[in-house]
Amino acid sequence: MTTVSRETQDRLERFADLLVQWNAKINLVSPKDLGQLWPRHIQDSLQLADQIPQGATITDLGSGGGFPGVILAIATGNPVTLIESDQRKCAFLREAGRICEANVTVLPKRIEAASPPEADIITARALAPLVKLLGWARPLLKENGFCLFLKGIKAQDELTEASRDWHMTSTILPSRTDPGGAIIKVSDFKRVV
């Protein structure tokens, strides 16, 4: 469990309250997950904060309900660009940024059509297989940047599959919130030619 300051905890609680309100109108998380919102979504996202240097720019792919992008903006204070194609979710993300005083910029586009400034770190959670994430992330990442992807029990299988198409430096970090989960950290990656 990641420990945060009282101010950060207050902002995370504001986020959780807002998400519960909005979830009644648009599906941000599964209704059955609302009872597990903190461990399953907020703490899961929060564990990435330990991997993020102060001041690093972050781009979150497929931000959806704000996981992990808004949580990381709240916890680190770093600027986070949120890419999300669903306009209703974008409205939620903008409101969450405002209410939680998070340094977020929302890009209401498909990932392939977005062209944010290159970031130091690319994140994603429950979005797509690793091989696809790498294709989306490569043009958005600074030369010495890295990716942090929250994954489930098949993280090693995804890494094996992606290594057929990509040369990369990678590490699998165990999830602190899900015994079957993992964080895949990838850097120095380029397509196999």
N, C-alpha and C. Protein backbone atom coordinates (compact mmCIF):
# COMPACT_ATOMS: atom_id res chain seq x y z
N MET A 1 0.84 -1.18 0.00
CA MET A 1 0.00 0.00 0.00
C MET A 1 0.89 1.25 0.00
N THR A 2 0.61 2.18 -0.89
CA THR A 2 1.38 3.40 -1.00
C THR A 2 0.84 4.43 0.01
N THR A 3 1.75 4.99 0.80
CA THR A 3 1.38 6.00 1.79
C THR A 3 1.43 7.37 1.14
N VAL A 4 0.43 8.19 1.39
CA VAL A 4 0.36 9.54 0.82
C VAL A 4 0.11 10.56 1.93
N SER A 5 0.35 11.81 1.61
CA SER A 5 0.12 12.88 2.58
C SER A 5 -1.38 13.05 2.83
N ARG A 6 -1.71 13.76 3.90
CA ARG A 6 -3.11 14.01 4.23
C ARG A 6 -3.79 14.79 3.10
N GLU A 7 -3.09 15.77 2.52
CA GLU A 7 -3.65 16.56 1.42
C GLU A 7 -3.94 15.67 0.21
N THR A 8 -3.00 14.80 -0.13
CA THR A 8 -3.19 13.89 -1.26
C THR A 8 -4.35 12.94 -0.98
N GLN A 9 -4.43 12.44 0.24
CA GLN A 9 -5.53 11.55 0.61
C GLN A 9 -6.87 12.25 0.45
N ASP A 10 -6.94 13.52 0.85
CA ASP A 10 -8.17 14.29 0.71
C ASP A 10 -8.56 14.42 -0.77
N ARG A 11 -7.57 14.70 -1.62
CA ARG A 11 -7.85 14.84 -3.05
C ARG A 11 -8.28 13.50 -3.67
N LEU A 12 -7.67 12.40 -3.21
CA LEU A 12 -8.07 11.08 -3.69
C LEU A 12 -9.50 10.76 -3.25
N GLU A 13 -9.87 11.16 -2.04
CA GLU A 13 -11.24 10.94 -1.56
C GLU A 13 -12.24 11.75 -2.37
N ARG A 14 -11.86 12.99 -2.73
CA ARG A 14 -12.73 13.80 -3.60
C ARG A 14 -12.93 13.11 -4.95
N PHE A 15 -11.83 12.54 -5.47
CA PHE A 15 -11.90 11.81 -6.74
C PHE A 15 -12.86 10.63 -6.62
N ALA A 16 -12.70 9.84 -5.55
CA ALA A 16 -13.55 8.66 -5.35
C ALA A 16 -15.02 9.05 -5.25
N ASP A 17 -15.32 10.11 -4.51
CA ASP A 17 -16.71 10.58 -4.37
C ASP A 17 -17.28 10.99 -5.73
N LEU A 18 -16.48 11.73 -6.50
CA LEU A 18 -16.91 12.18 -7.82
C LEU A 18 -17.15 10.99 -8.75
N LEU A 19 -16.26 10.03 -8.71
CA LEU A 19 -16.41 8.85 -9.57
C LEU A 19 -17.70 8.10 -9.24
N VAL A 20 -17.99 7.93 -7.97
CA VAL A 20 -19.22 7.24 -7.57
C VAL A 20 -20.45 7.99 -8.10
N GLN A 21 -20.45 9.33 -8.00
CA GLN A 21 -21.56 10.13 -8.51
C GLN A 21 -21.73 9.94 -10.01
N TRP A 22 -20.64 10.07 -10.74
CA TRP A 22 -20.69 9.99 -12.20
C TRP A 22 -20.97 8.57 -12.67
N ASN A 23 -20.54 7.59 -11.91
CA ASN A 23 -20.70 6.20 -12.34
C ASN A 23 -22.17 5.81 -12.45
N ALA A 24 -23.04 6.53 -11.76
CA ALA A 24 -24.48 6.28 -11.86
C ALA A 24 -24.99 6.64 -13.25
N LYS A 25 -24.31 7.57 -13.93
CA LYS A 25 -24.75 8.04 -15.26
C LYS A 25 -23.95 7.41 -16.40
N ILE A 26 -22.65 7.27 -16.22
CA ILE A 26 -21.81 6.66 -17.26
C ILE A 26 -20.94 5.59 -16.61
N ASN A 27 -20.65 4.56 -17.35
CA ASN A 27 -19.92 3.43 -16.81
C ASN A 27 -18.42 3.71 -16.78
N LEU A 28 -17.94 4.16 -15.64
CA LEU A 28 -16.51 4.43 -15.45
C LEU A 28 -15.80 3.20 -14.90
N VAL A 29 -16.47 2.52 -13.97
CA VAL A 29 -16.00 1.22 -13.45
C VAL A 29 -17.23 0.33 -13.34
N SER A 30 -17.00 -0.96 -13.32
CA SER A 30 -18.11 -1.90 -13.17
C SER A 30 -18.84 -1.61 -11.85
N PRO A 31 -20.18 -1.57 -11.87
CA PRO A 31 -20.91 -1.31 -10.63
C PRO A 31 -20.52 -2.27 -9.49
N LYS A 32 -20.18 -3.51 -9.83
CA LYS A 32 -19.78 -4.47 -8.78
C LYS A 32 -18.41 -4.12 -8.19
N ASP A 33 -17.63 -3.28 -8.88
CA ASP A 33 -16.31 -2.86 -8.38
C ASP A 33 -16.38 -1.67 -7.42
N LEU A 34 -17.52 -0.99 -7.36
CA LEU A 34 -17.60 0.21 -6.52
C LEU A 34 -17.26 -0.08 -5.06
N GLY A 35 -17.66 -1.24 -4.57
CA GLY A 35 -17.34 -1.61 -3.19
C GLY A 35 -15.85 -1.84 -2.97
N GLN A 36 -15.12 -2.09 -4.04
CA GLN A 36 -13.67 -2.33 -3.99
C GLN A 36 -12.89 -1.21 -4.69
N LEU A 37 -13.50 -0.03 -4.78
CA LEU A 37 -12.90 1.08 -5.53
C LEU A 37 -11.48 1.40 -5.07
N TRP A 38 -11.26 1.46 -3.76
CA TRP A 38 -9.93 1.83 -3.26
C TRP A 38 -8.87 0.78 -3.57
N PRO A 39 -9.04 -0.47 -3.15
CA PRO A 39 -7.96 -1.42 -3.43
C PRO A 39 -7.85 -1.78 -4.90
N ARG A 40 -8.97 -1.97 -5.57
CA ARG A 40 -8.96 -2.48 -6.94
C ARG A 40 -8.54 -1.44 -7.97
N HIS A 41 -8.88 -0.18 -7.75
CA HIS A 41 -8.61 0.84 -8.76
C HIS A 41 -7.65 1.93 -8.27
N ILE A 42 -7.95 2.54 -7.14
CA ILE A 42 -7.13 3.67 -6.68
C ILE A 42 -5.76 3.19 -6.21
N GLN A 43 -5.70 2.24 -5.27
CA GLN A 43 -4.40 1.75 -4.79
C GLN A 43 -3.61 1.06 -5.91
N ASP A 44 -4.32 0.35 -6.78
CA ASP A 44 -3.66 -0.30 -7.91
C ASP A 44 -2.94 0.73 -8.78
N SER A 45 -3.61 1.84 -9.07
CA SER A 45 -3.00 2.91 -9.86
C SER A 45 -1.90 3.63 -9.09
N LEU A 46 -2.15 3.84 -7.82
CA LEU A 46 -1.23 4.59 -6.96
C LEU A 46 0.14 3.94 -6.84
N GLN A 47 0.21 2.61 -6.96
CA GLN A 47 1.49 1.94 -6.81
C GLN A 47 2.50 2.36 -7.89
N LEU A 48 2.03 2.91 -9.01
CA LEU A 48 2.95 3.37 -10.05
C LEU A 48 3.70 4.64 -9.63
N ALA A 49 3.15 5.39 -8.69
CA ALA A 49 3.76 6.66 -8.28
C ALA A 49 5.20 6.49 -7.81
N ASP A 50 5.51 5.34 -7.19
CA ASP A 50 6.87 5.08 -6.72
C ASP A 50 7.88 4.97 -7.86
N GLN A 51 7.41 4.73 -9.07
CA GLN A 51 8.29 4.56 -10.23
C GLN A 51 8.49 5.86 -11.01
N ILE A 52 7.82 6.93 -10.57
CA ILE A 52 7.80 8.15 -11.37
C ILE A 52 8.65 9.25 -10.74
N PRO A 53 9.70 9.69 -11.46
CA PRO A 53 10.53 10.78 -10.94
C PRO A 53 9.75 12.10 -10.86
N GLN A 54 10.12 12.91 -9.91
CA GLN A 54 9.48 14.22 -9.76
C GLN A 54 9.68 15.04 -11.04
N GLY A 55 8.60 15.66 -11.50
CA GLY A 55 8.67 16.52 -12.67
C GLY A 55 8.54 15.80 -14.01
N ALA A 56 8.55 14.48 -14.02
CA ALA A 56 8.43 13.73 -15.28
C ALA A 56 7.06 13.96 -15.89
N THR A 57 7.02 14.13 -17.21
CA THR A 57 5.74 14.27 -17.90
C THR A 57 5.19 12.87 -18.20
N ILE A 58 3.87 12.75 -18.09
CA ILE A 58 3.21 11.45 -18.24
C ILE A 58 2.09 11.58 -19.27
N THR A 59 1.97 10.57 -20.13
CA THR A 59 0.80 10.45 -21.00
C THR A 59 0.14 9.12 -20.68
N ASP A 60 -1.16 9.19 -20.36
CA ASP A 60 -1.93 8.01 -20.01
C ASP A 60 -2.83 7.65 -21.19
N LEU A 61 -2.69 6.42 -21.68
CA LEU A 61 -3.46 5.96 -22.84
C LEU A 61 -4.78 5.35 -22.39
N GLY A 62 -5.87 5.74 -23.07
CA GLY A 62 -7.18 5.18 -22.75
C GLY A 62 -7.57 5.41 -21.31
N SER A 63 -7.58 6.66 -20.91
CA SER A 63 -7.71 7.04 -19.49
C SER A 63 -9.02 6.62 -18.83
N GLY A 64 -10.09 6.48 -19.59
CA GLY A 64 -11.36 5.97 -19.05
C GLY A 64 -11.82 6.69 -17.80
N GLY A 65 -11.85 5.96 -16.69
CA GLY A 65 -12.30 6.52 -15.41
C GLY A 65 -11.19 7.21 -14.63
N GLY A 66 -10.04 7.44 -15.26
CA GLY A 66 -8.96 8.17 -14.60
C GLY A 66 -7.87 7.29 -14.00
N PHE A 67 -7.89 6.01 -14.37
CA PHE A 67 -6.90 5.06 -13.82
C PHE A 67 -5.90 4.66 -14.90
N PRO A 68 -4.63 4.85 -14.71
CA PRO A 68 -4.01 5.44 -13.54
C PRO A 68 -3.76 6.95 -13.64
N GLY A 69 -4.08 7.57 -14.79
CA GLY A 69 -3.67 8.95 -15.06
C GLY A 69 -4.03 9.99 -14.03
N VAL A 70 -5.30 10.11 -13.67
CA VAL A 70 -5.71 11.14 -12.71
C VAL A 70 -5.11 10.83 -11.33
N ILE A 71 -5.08 9.56 -10.97
CA ILE A 71 -4.51 9.18 -9.67
C ILE A 71 -3.04 9.59 -9.60
N LEU A 72 -2.29 9.38 -10.69
CA LEU A 72 -0.87 9.76 -10.70
C LEU A 72 -0.70 11.28 -10.68
N ALA A 73 -1.57 12.00 -11.36
CA ALA A 73 -1.50 13.47 -11.32
C ALA A 73 -1.73 13.98 -9.90
N ILE A 74 -2.68 13.37 -9.20
CA ILE A 74 -2.96 13.75 -7.81
C ILE A 74 -1.78 13.40 -6.91
N ALA A 75 -1.27 12.18 -7.05
CA ALA A 75 -0.24 11.68 -6.13
C ALA A 75 1.14 12.30 -6.36
N THR A 76 1.48 12.59 -7.61
CA THR A 76 2.84 13.08 -7.90
C THR A 76 2.91 14.58 -8.12
N GLY A 77 1.81 15.19 -8.52
CA GLY A 77 1.84 16.61 -8.89
C GLY A 77 2.40 16.83 -10.28
N ASN A 78 2.82 15.75 -10.94
CA ASN A 78 3.39 15.86 -12.29
C ASN A 78 2.28 16.13 -13.31
N PRO A 79 2.65 16.75 -14.45
CA PRO A 79 1.66 16.98 -15.50
C PRO A 79 1.34 15.66 -16.21
N VAL A 80 0.03 15.40 -16.39
CA VAL A 80 -0.41 14.17 -17.04
C VAL A 80 -1.35 14.52 -18.18
N THR A 81 -1.06 14.00 -19.36
CA THR A 81 -1.95 14.11 -20.51
C THR A 81 -2.79 12.84 -20.56
N LEU A 82 -4.11 13.01 -20.58
CA LEU A 82 -5.05 11.90 -20.60
C LEU A 82 -5.64 11.78 -21.99
N ILE A 83 -5.43 10.64 -22.65
CA ILE A 83 -5.99 10.42 -23.98
C ILE A 83 -7.18 9.47 -23.84
N GLU A 84 -8.35 9.96 -24.25
CA GLU A 84 -9.59 9.19 -24.11
C GLU A 84 -10.53 9.58 -25.24
N SER A 85 -11.08 8.60 -25.96
CA SER A 85 -11.94 8.90 -27.10
C SER A 85 -13.41 9.09 -26.73
N ASP A 86 -13.85 8.57 -25.59
CA ASP A 86 -15.25 8.69 -25.17
C ASP A 86 -15.49 10.09 -24.59
N GLN A 87 -16.32 10.88 -25.26
CA GLN A 87 -16.54 12.27 -24.86
C GLN A 87 -17.13 12.39 -23.45
N ARG A 88 -17.99 11.45 -23.06
CA ARG A 88 -18.57 11.51 -21.71
C ARG A 88 -17.49 11.27 -20.66
N LYS A 89 -16.59 10.33 -20.93
CA LYS A 89 -15.50 10.08 -20.00
C LYS A 89 -14.55 11.28 -19.96
N CYS A 90 -14.36 11.94 -21.10
CA CYS A 90 -13.53 13.15 -21.13
C CYS A 90 -14.12 14.24 -20.23
N ALA A 91 -15.44 14.38 -20.25
CA ALA A 91 -16.09 15.36 -19.37
C ALA A 91 -15.82 15.02 -17.91
N PHE A 92 -15.92 13.74 -17.57
CA PHE A 92 -15.60 13.31 -16.21
C PHE A 92 -14.15 13.62 -15.87
N LEU A 93 -13.22 13.30 -16.76
CA LEU A 93 -11.79 13.51 -16.50
C LEU A 93 -11.48 15.00 -16.28
N ARG A 94 -12.11 15.87 -17.08
CA ARG A 94 -11.90 17.32 -16.89
C ARG A 94 -12.41 17.76 -15.51
N GLU A 95 -13.61 17.27 -15.15
CA GLU A 95 -14.19 17.63 -13.85
C GLU A 95 -13.33 17.07 -12.71
N ALA A 96 -12.84 15.86 -12.86
CA ALA A 96 -11.98 15.26 -11.83
C ALA A 96 -10.71 16.08 -11.67
N GLY A 97 -10.12 16.51 -12.78
CA GLY A 97 -8.92 17.35 -12.70
C GLY A 97 -9.19 18.64 -11.95
N ARG A 98 -10.34 19.25 -12.23
CA ARG A 98 -10.71 20.52 -11.58
C ARG A 98 -10.97 20.31 -10.09
N ILE A 99 -11.82 19.35 -9.76
CA ILE A 99 -12.22 19.10 -8.36
C ILE A 99 -11.02 18.66 -7.51
N CYS A 100 -10.14 17.90 -8.10
CA CYS A 100 -9.01 17.32 -7.35
C CYS A 100 -7.73 18.13 -7.49
N GLU A 101 -7.82 19.27 -8.19
CA GLU A 101 -6.66 20.14 -8.39
C GLU A 101 -5.47 19.35 -8.95
N ALA A 102 -5.77 18.55 -9.96
CA ALA A 102 -4.75 17.71 -10.60
C ALA A 102 -4.28 18.37 -11.89
N ASN A 103 -3.01 18.27 -12.17
CA ASN A 103 -2.41 18.88 -13.36
C ASN A 103 -2.62 17.96 -14.56
N VAL A 104 -3.85 17.98 -15.10
CA VAL A 104 -4.17 17.11 -16.23
C VAL A 104 -4.61 17.92 -17.45
N THR A 105 -4.29 17.36 -18.61
CA THR A 105 -4.77 17.87 -19.89
C THR A 105 -5.50 16.71 -20.55
N VAL A 106 -6.74 16.93 -20.96
CA VAL A 106 -7.54 15.87 -21.56
C VAL A 106 -7.54 16.03 -23.08
N LEU A 107 -7.14 14.97 -23.79
CA LEU A 107 -7.20 14.96 -25.25
C LEU A 107 -8.34 14.03 -25.67
N PRO A 108 -9.45 14.60 -26.17
CA PRO A 108 -10.60 13.78 -26.54
C PRO A 108 -10.43 13.17 -27.94
N LYS A 109 -9.53 12.20 -28.05
CA LYS A 109 -9.23 11.58 -29.35
C LYS A 109 -8.92 10.11 -29.18
N ARG A 110 -8.93 9.42 -30.31
CA ARG A 110 -8.41 8.06 -30.32
C ARG A 110 -6.89 8.17 -30.19
N ILE A 111 -6.28 7.17 -29.61
CA ILE A 111 -4.84 7.22 -29.37
C ILE A 111 -4.08 7.42 -30.67
N GLU A 112 -4.49 6.73 -31.73
CA GLU A 112 -3.78 6.83 -33.02
C GLU A 112 -3.86 8.23 -33.62
N ALA A 113 -4.89 8.99 -33.26
CA ALA A 113 -5.07 10.33 -33.83
C ALA A 113 -4.53 11.44 -32.92
N ALA A 114 -4.13 11.09 -31.71
CA ALA A 114 -3.64 12.10 -30.76
C ALA A 114 -2.18 12.42 -31.06
N SER A 115 -1.83 13.67 -30.85
CA SER A 115 -0.42 14.04 -31.03
C SER A 115 0.01 14.98 -29.90
N PRO A 116 0.04 14.45 -28.67
CA PRO A 116 0.50 15.26 -27.55
C PRO A 116 2.01 15.45 -27.63
N PRO A 117 2.56 16.39 -26.86
CA PRO A 117 4.02 16.48 -26.79
C PRO A 117 4.57 15.15 -26.28
N GLU A 118 5.77 14.79 -26.73
CA GLU A 118 6.37 13.55 -26.25
C GLU A 118 6.50 13.59 -24.73
N ALA A 119 6.27 12.44 -24.09
CA ALA A 119 6.29 12.35 -22.63
C ALA A 119 7.48 11.53 -22.15
N ASP A 120 7.83 11.74 -20.88
CA ASP A 120 8.89 10.94 -20.24
C ASP A 120 8.39 9.53 -19.94
N ILE A 121 7.08 9.42 -19.64
CA ILE A 121 6.50 8.15 -19.22
C ILE A 121 5.14 7.98 -19.90
N ILE A 122 4.88 6.76 -20.37
CA ILE A 122 3.57 6.41 -20.91
C ILE A 122 2.97 5.35 -19.98
N THR A 123 1.69 5.53 -19.62
CA THR A 123 1.01 4.57 -18.76
C THR A 123 -0.27 4.07 -19.43
N ALA A 124 -0.72 2.90 -18.99
CA ALA A 124 -2.02 2.37 -19.41
C ALA A 124 -2.40 1.28 -18.42
N ARG A 125 -3.72 1.10 -18.31
CA ARG A 125 -4.25 0.08 -17.41
C ARG A 125 -5.48 -0.54 -18.06
N ALA A 126 -5.48 -1.88 -18.14
CA ALA A 126 -6.63 -2.63 -18.67
C ALA A 126 -7.10 -2.09 -20.01
N LEU A 127 -6.15 -1.90 -20.93
CA LEU A 127 -6.50 -1.28 -22.21
C LEU A 127 -6.35 -2.23 -23.40
N ALA A 128 -5.18 -2.83 -23.56
CA ALA A 128 -4.91 -3.64 -24.76
C ALA A 128 -3.71 -4.54 -24.48
N PRO A 129 -3.49 -5.54 -25.34
CA PRO A 129 -2.28 -6.37 -25.19
C PRO A 129 -1.01 -5.52 -25.34
N LEU A 130 0.05 -5.97 -24.71
CA LEU A 130 1.32 -5.22 -24.71
C LEU A 130 1.80 -4.89 -26.11
N VAL A 131 1.70 -5.84 -27.03
CA VAL A 131 2.20 -5.60 -28.38
C VAL A 131 1.51 -4.38 -29.01
N LYS A 132 0.23 -4.21 -28.75
CA LYS A 132 -0.51 -3.06 -29.27
C LYS A 132 -0.15 -1.78 -28.52
N LEU A 133 -0.02 -1.88 -27.20
CA LEU A 133 0.36 -0.71 -26.39
C LEU A 133 1.69 -0.13 -26.84
N LEU A 134 2.65 -1.00 -27.15
CA LEU A 134 3.97 -0.53 -27.58
C LEU A 134 3.87 0.25 -28.89
N GLY A 135 3.03 -0.21 -29.79
CA GLY A 135 2.84 0.50 -31.06
C GLY A 135 2.25 1.89 -30.86
N TRP A 136 1.31 2.00 -29.93
CA TRP A 136 0.73 3.31 -29.63
C TRP A 136 1.72 4.20 -28.89
N ALA A 137 2.47 3.61 -27.97
CA ALA A 137 3.34 4.40 -27.10
C ALA A 137 4.58 4.94 -27.81
N ARG A 138 5.15 4.17 -28.72
CA ARG A 138 6.45 4.54 -29.31
C ARG A 138 6.50 5.97 -29.83
N PRO A 139 5.54 6.43 -30.66
CA PRO A 139 5.64 7.80 -31.18
C PRO A 139 5.36 8.90 -30.15
N LEU A 140 4.84 8.52 -28.97
CA LEU A 140 4.48 9.51 -27.95
C LEU A 140 5.53 9.64 -26.85
N LEU A 141 6.59 8.80 -26.91
CA LEU A 141 7.56 8.70 -25.83
C LEU A 141 8.87 9.39 -26.19
N LYS A 142 9.42 10.15 -25.22
CA LYS A 142 10.74 10.75 -25.40
C LYS A 142 11.80 9.65 -25.55
N GLU A 143 12.93 9.99 -26.13
CA GLU A 143 13.96 9.01 -26.43
C GLU A 143 14.39 8.19 -25.22
N ASN A 144 14.59 8.81 -24.07
CA ASN A 144 15.03 8.07 -22.88
C ASN A 144 13.89 7.74 -21.92
N GLY A 145 12.67 7.79 -22.42
CA GLY A 145 11.51 7.54 -21.58
C GLY A 145 11.23 6.07 -21.38
N PHE A 146 10.18 5.80 -20.60
CA PHE A 146 9.79 4.41 -20.36
C PHE A 146 8.28 4.31 -20.19
N CYS A 147 7.78 3.09 -20.25
CA CYS A 147 6.35 2.82 -20.11
C CYS A 147 6.10 2.01 -18.85
N LEU A 148 4.95 2.26 -18.24
CA LEU A 148 4.48 1.48 -17.10
C LEU A 148 3.07 1.01 -17.42
N PHE A 149 2.93 -0.30 -17.59
CA PHE A 149 1.64 -0.86 -17.95
C PHE A 149 1.17 -1.82 -16.85
N LEU A 150 0.03 -1.51 -16.26
CA LEU A 150 -0.57 -2.40 -15.26
C LEU A 150 -1.23 -3.57 -15.97
N LYS A 151 -0.83 -4.77 -15.59
CA LYS A 151 -1.29 -5.98 -16.28
C LYS A 151 -1.78 -7.02 -15.29
N GLY A 152 -2.43 -8.03 -15.82
CA GLY A 152 -2.96 -9.11 -14.99
C GLY A 152 -2.04 -10.32 -15.00
N ILE A 153 -2.64 -11.46 -14.81
CA ILE A 153 -1.91 -12.71 -14.63
C ILE A 153 -1.12 -13.15 -15.87
N LYS A 154 -1.48 -12.64 -17.03
CA LYS A 154 -0.82 -13.05 -18.27
C LYS A 154 0.29 -12.10 -18.70
N ALA A 155 0.83 -11.33 -17.78
CA ALA A 155 1.87 -10.35 -18.11
C ALA A 155 3.06 -10.99 -18.82
N GLN A 156 3.55 -12.10 -18.30
CA GLN A 156 4.71 -12.76 -18.93
C GLN A 156 4.37 -13.24 -20.33
N ASP A 157 3.17 -13.78 -20.54
CA ASP A 157 2.76 -14.22 -21.87
C ASP A 157 2.72 -13.04 -22.84
N GLU A 158 2.20 -11.89 -22.37
CA GLU A 158 2.15 -10.70 -23.23
C GLU A 158 3.55 -10.23 -23.58
N LEU A 159 4.45 -10.29 -22.62
CA LEU A 159 5.84 -9.89 -22.86
C LEU A 159 6.50 -10.81 -23.88
N THR A 160 6.26 -12.09 -23.76
CA THR A 160 6.81 -13.06 -24.71
C THR A 160 6.27 -12.79 -26.12
N GLU A 161 4.97 -12.57 -26.21
CA GLU A 161 4.36 -12.29 -27.52
C GLU A 161 4.92 -10.99 -28.12
N ALA A 162 5.03 -9.94 -27.31
CA ALA A 162 5.52 -8.65 -27.81
C ALA A 162 6.97 -8.73 -28.26
N SER A 163 7.75 -9.61 -27.65
CA SER A 163 9.18 -9.70 -28.01
C SER A 163 9.38 -10.25 -29.42
N ARG A 164 8.35 -10.80 -30.02
CA ARG A 164 8.45 -11.24 -31.42
C ARG A 164 8.48 -10.05 -32.37
N ASP A 165 7.81 -8.95 -31.97
CA ASP A 165 7.72 -7.77 -32.82
C ASP A 165 8.57 -6.59 -32.35
N TRP A 166 9.05 -6.65 -31.10
CA TRP A 166 9.74 -5.52 -30.51
C TRP A 166 11.03 -5.95 -29.81
N HIS A 167 12.10 -5.18 -30.05
CA HIS A 167 13.31 -5.29 -29.22
C HIS A 167 13.07 -4.33 -28.06
N MET A 168 13.34 -4.74 -26.82
CA MET A 168 13.05 -3.86 -25.69
C MET A 168 13.83 -4.28 -24.46
N THR A 169 13.95 -3.35 -23.55
CA THR A 169 14.41 -3.64 -22.20
C THR A 169 13.15 -3.67 -21.34
N SER A 170 12.95 -4.76 -20.61
CA SER A 170 11.71 -4.86 -19.84
C SER A 170 11.96 -5.49 -18.48
N THR A 171 11.07 -5.14 -17.56
CA THR A 171 11.07 -5.70 -16.22
C THR A 171 9.63 -5.95 -15.83
N ILE A 172 9.39 -7.08 -15.18
CA ILE A 172 8.05 -7.32 -14.62
C ILE A 172 8.15 -7.11 -13.11
N LEU A 173 7.40 -6.13 -12.63
CA LEU A 173 7.35 -5.83 -11.20
C LEU A 173 6.07 -6.42 -10.62
N PRO A 174 6.14 -7.07 -9.47
CA PRO A 174 4.91 -7.63 -8.90
C PRO A 174 3.97 -6.52 -8.44
N SER A 175 2.68 -6.75 -8.64
CA SER A 175 1.69 -5.81 -8.14
C SER A 175 1.62 -5.92 -6.62
N ARG A 176 1.49 -4.76 -5.97
CA ARG A 176 1.34 -4.77 -4.51
C ARG A 176 -0.13 -4.86 -4.10
N THR A 177 -1.03 -4.80 -5.09
CA THR A 177 -2.46 -4.80 -4.76
C THR A 177 -3.20 -6.02 -5.28
N ASP A 178 -2.60 -6.74 -6.21
CA ASP A 178 -3.26 -7.89 -6.82
C ASP A 178 -2.26 -9.02 -6.94
N PRO A 179 -2.44 -10.12 -6.19
CA PRO A 179 -1.47 -11.21 -6.22
C PRO A 179 -1.24 -11.78 -7.62
N GLY A 180 -2.21 -11.66 -8.52
CA GLY A 180 -2.04 -12.16 -9.88
C GLY A 180 -1.61 -11.07 -10.85
N GLY A 181 -1.50 -9.85 -10.38
CA GLY A 181 -1.18 -8.73 -11.26
C GLY A 181 0.30 -8.41 -11.33
N ALA A 182 0.64 -7.56 -12.29
CA ALA A 182 2.03 -7.16 -12.48
C ALA A 182 2.08 -5.79 -13.14
N ILE A 183 3.24 -5.18 -13.04
CA ILE A 183 3.52 -3.95 -13.76
C ILE A 183 4.63 -4.29 -14.75
N ILE A 184 4.38 -4.03 -16.02
CA ILE A 184 5.44 -4.23 -17.02
C ILE A 184 6.07 -2.86 -17.28
N LYS A 185 7.36 -2.78 -17.02
CA LYS A 185 8.13 -1.56 -17.29
C LYS A 185 8.98 -1.81 -18.53
N VAL A 186 8.82 -0.96 -19.54
CA VAL A 186 9.49 -1.15 -20.82
C VAL A 186 10.22 0.14 -21.20
N SER A 187 11.45 -0.02 -21.68
CA SER A 187 12.21 1.12 -22.20
C SER A 187 13.03 0.66 -23.40
N ASP A 188 13.67 1.59 -24.08
CA ASP A 188 14.55 1.29 -25.22
C ASP A 188 13.90 0.29 -26.17
N PHE A 189 12.69 0.58 -26.63
CA PHE A 189 12.04 -0.39 -27.50
C PHE A 189 11.89 0.14 -28.92
N LYS A 190 12.07 -0.78 -29.86
CA LYS A 190 11.89 -0.47 -31.28
C LYS A 190 11.44 -1.74 -31.99
N ARG A 191 10.76 -1.53 -33.09
CA ARG A 191 10.23 -2.67 -33.83
C ARG A 191 11.34 -3.53 -34.40
N VAL A 192 11.08 -4.84 -34.43
CA VAL A 192 11.98 -5.78 -35.08
C VAL A 192 11.85 -5.56 -36.58
N VAL A 193 12.99 -5.46 -37.28
CA VAL A 193 12.92 -5.26 -38.74
C VAL A 193 13.32 -6.51 -39.48
